[in-house]
Protein backbone atom coordinates (compact mmCIF):
# COMPACT_ATOMS: atom_id res chain seq x y z
CA MET A 1 50.20 120.83 67.16
CA ASN A 2 51.21 118.76 70.38
CA ARG A 3 53.98 119.85 72.57
CA THR A 4 56.08 118.08 75.49
CA THR A 5 58.11 120.03 77.86
CA ILE A 6 60.16 118.58 80.11
CA THR A 7 61.41 120.69 83.49
CA LEU A 8 64.71 119.37 85.24
CA VAL A 9 65.31 120.30 89.02
CA GLY A 10 68.66 121.10 90.11
CA LEU A 11 72.00 120.26 89.02
CA ALA A 12 72.00 116.43 89.45
CA ALA A 13 68.82 116.62 86.86
CA ALA A 14 70.77 118.68 84.69
CA ALA A 15 74.22 116.12 84.85
CA GLY A 16 71.52 113.45 84.27
CA LEU A 17 70.20 115.03 81.11
CA GLY A 18 73.98 114.55 79.86
CA SER A 19 73.56 110.66 79.74
CA LEU A 20 70.44 110.42 78.12
CA LEU A 21 72.28 112.51 75.18
CA ALA A 22 74.97 110.71 75.58
CA SER A 23 75.12 109.02 72.16
CA SER A 24 75.48 112.44 70.23
CA PRO A 25 78.45 113.62 69.26
CA ALA A 26 80.44 116.23 71.61
CA HIS A 27 81.25 119.33 69.34
CA ALA A 28 83.52 122.56 70.20
CA ALA A 29 82.56 125.01 67.09
CA SER A 30 85.81 126.71 67.29
CA ALA A 31 87.94 123.42 66.78
CA GLY A 32 85.61 121.53 64.62
CA THR A 33 85.96 118.26 66.39
CA ASP A 34 83.09 115.76 67.16
CA VAL A 35 83.72 113.48 69.78
CA TYR A 36 81.65 110.10 70.27
CA ALA A 37 82.14 106.63 72.01
CA ARG A 38 81.15 103.89 69.98
CA ALA A 39 81.11 100.02 70.99
CA GLY A 40 82.92 101.22 74.03
CA VAL A 41 85.78 103.20 71.93
CA VAL A 42 85.86 106.77 72.23
CA TYR A 43 86.59 108.74 68.55
CA ALA A 44 87.57 111.96 67.55
CA SER A 45 86.47 113.22 63.88
CA THR A 46 87.84 116.64 62.63
CA GLY A 47 86.69 117.48 58.84
CA GLY A 48 85.86 113.83 58.31
CA HIS A 49 88.93 112.54 59.63
CA GLU A 50 88.14 109.80 62.42
CA VAL A 51 90.69 108.82 64.85
CA ARG A 52 90.34 106.49 67.94
CA LEU A 53 91.49 107.63 71.00
CA THR A 54 91.07 105.15 73.69
CA GLU A 55 92.69 101.62 73.22
CA ASP A 56 90.14 99.48 75.43
CA GLU A 57 85.93 99.12 74.96
CA VAL A 58 85.26 100.33 78.48
CA ASN A 59 84.65 103.70 77.72
CA ALA A 60 81.61 106.11 76.93
CA GLU A 61 79.99 109.47 77.26
CA PRO A 62 83.09 111.77 76.11
CA SER A 63 82.37 115.30 76.39
CA LEU A 64 84.42 117.78 74.69
CA SER A 65 85.45 120.87 76.60
CA PRO A 66 84.25 124.60 75.40
CA ASP A 67 87.76 125.55 74.70
CA GLY A 68 88.23 122.38 72.72
CA LYS A 69 91.58 121.17 74.32
CA ARG A 70 90.11 118.28 76.36
CA ILE A 71 87.74 115.39 76.59
CA ALA A 72 86.01 114.27 79.94
CA TYR A 73 84.61 110.52 79.50
CA VAL A 74 83.83 107.83 81.66
CA HIS A 75 86.49 105.09 81.93
CA ASN A 76 85.50 101.52 83.60
CA ASN A 77 82.66 103.56 85.68
CA THR A 78 85.04 106.42 86.98
CA VAL A 79 85.73 109.65 85.18
CA TRP A 80 89.01 110.45 83.18
CA VAL A 81 90.24 113.18 81.09
CA MET A 82 92.42 113.32 77.99
CA ARG A 83 94.00 115.91 75.62
CA VAL A 84 91.97 116.10 72.51
CA ASN A 85 94.57 113.98 70.63
CA GLY A 86 94.38 111.44 73.25
CA ALA A 87 97.18 112.08 74.97
CA GLY A 88 97.38 112.74 78.64
CA LYS A 89 94.57 110.14 80.12
CA HIS A 90 94.19 109.79 83.61
CA GLN A 91 91.55 109.75 86.51
CA VAL A 92 90.09 112.56 87.59
CA SER A 93 87.22 111.23 89.62
CA ASP A 94 87.75 109.89 93.44
CA ARG A 95 84.37 107.40 93.07
CA THR A 96 82.44 105.52 90.25
CA GLY A 97 80.45 108.30 87.77
CA THR A 98 78.73 108.95 84.91
CA ALA A 99 77.45 112.30 82.49
CA PRO A 100 81.07 114.03 82.90
CA ALA A 101 79.91 117.49 82.03
CA TRP A 102 82.52 120.61 81.56
CA THR A 103 82.42 123.96 83.25
CA PRO A 104 82.22 127.07 81.02
CA ASP A 105 85.75 128.08 81.62
CA SER A 106 87.00 124.34 80.87
CA THR A 107 88.68 124.30 84.23
CA ARG A 108 86.43 121.44 86.00
CA VAL A 109 84.40 118.51 85.16
CA THR A 110 81.05 117.86 87.13
CA TYR A 111 79.59 114.30 87.03
CA THR A 112 76.96 112.01 88.66
CA ALA A 113 77.53 109.83 91.04
CA THR A 114 75.58 108.23 94.22
CA SER A 115 75.42 110.76 96.94
CA CYS A 116 75.82 110.36 100.89
CA THR A 117 72.03 109.96 100.91
CA GLY A 118 72.30 106.75 98.68
CA ALA A 119 70.37 108.88 95.99
CA PRO A 120 72.37 110.48 92.88
CA GLY A 121 74.13 113.50 93.48
CA THR A 122 76.40 115.97 91.60
CA PHE A 123 80.12 116.74 92.19
CA ARG A 124 82.85 118.50 90.92
CA VAL A 125 86.42 117.95 90.65
CA GLY A 126 89.52 119.89 88.74
CA LEU A 127 91.57 118.59 86.02
CA ALA A 128 94.72 117.15 87.84
CA GLY A 129 93.37 114.21 89.29
CA GLY A 130 94.58 112.81 92.35
CA THR A 131 92.06 115.59 94.40
CA THR A 132 88.79 114.96 96.27
CA SER A 133 85.44 115.79 94.24
CA VAL A 134 83.47 118.48 95.91
CA PRO A 135 79.75 117.53 96.53
CA VAL A 136 77.85 119.99 94.89
CA SER A 137 74.41 118.59 95.59
CA PRO A 138 72.22 117.57 97.47
CA ALA A 139 73.54 120.26 100.23
CA VAL A 140 73.67 117.52 103.23
CA CYS A 141 76.38 116.03 101.46
CA ARG A 142 78.47 119.09 101.61
CA ASP A 143 80.00 118.63 104.90
CA GLN A 144 80.46 114.99 104.52
CA ALA A 145 84.39 113.51 104.66
CA PRO A 146 85.30 112.20 101.48
CA PRO A 147 86.43 108.65 100.80
CA GLN A 148 89.80 107.14 100.80
CA VAL A 149 90.61 106.06 97.36
CA GLY A 150 94.05 105.75 95.03
CA PHE A 151 94.35 107.45 91.43
CA ILE A 152 95.14 105.75 88.16
CA THR A 153 97.09 107.25 85.53
CA ASP A 154 96.93 105.59 82.06
CA VAL A 155 100.72 105.34 80.80
CA PRO A 156 103.42 105.85 83.53
CA GLY A 157 105.07 109.05 83.26
CA ASP A 158 102.33 110.59 80.62
CA GLN A 159 101.60 114.33 81.50
CA PRO A 160 98.03 114.87 82.88
CA ALA A 161 96.14 116.62 80.34
């Protein structure tokens, strides 16, 4: 029997693994909900009932939070969060990014983006949006000044997820 072993080094590699698996649905066992993207649209499926969650076709890489209440996803090359029912869509990343992944307590999202070195790095951000992403790796970027950016909300007056 032949076996292939893949060893990942560091958080950036682990975050990159999420982009390799992006076509697989994210699943929260407790909620029984799968989330996935097809043709640039994010969907949720519970008990075989599919619901379209995004209005446009510029979305990818949905990731269901461990508590089953929110979805992090890439919208037009930035990281956004919404409630599992599609409400409360808002941008959380302060730069372009991919491969959103949740912290185990569902309070923050990590994602991959270009770091201060020009190579891929891993960043962490809270769920409220409008905050600066914290560089996790590479370590040399942790003391760099954050970029100055604006944040977009999907619907004026819509409450964040």
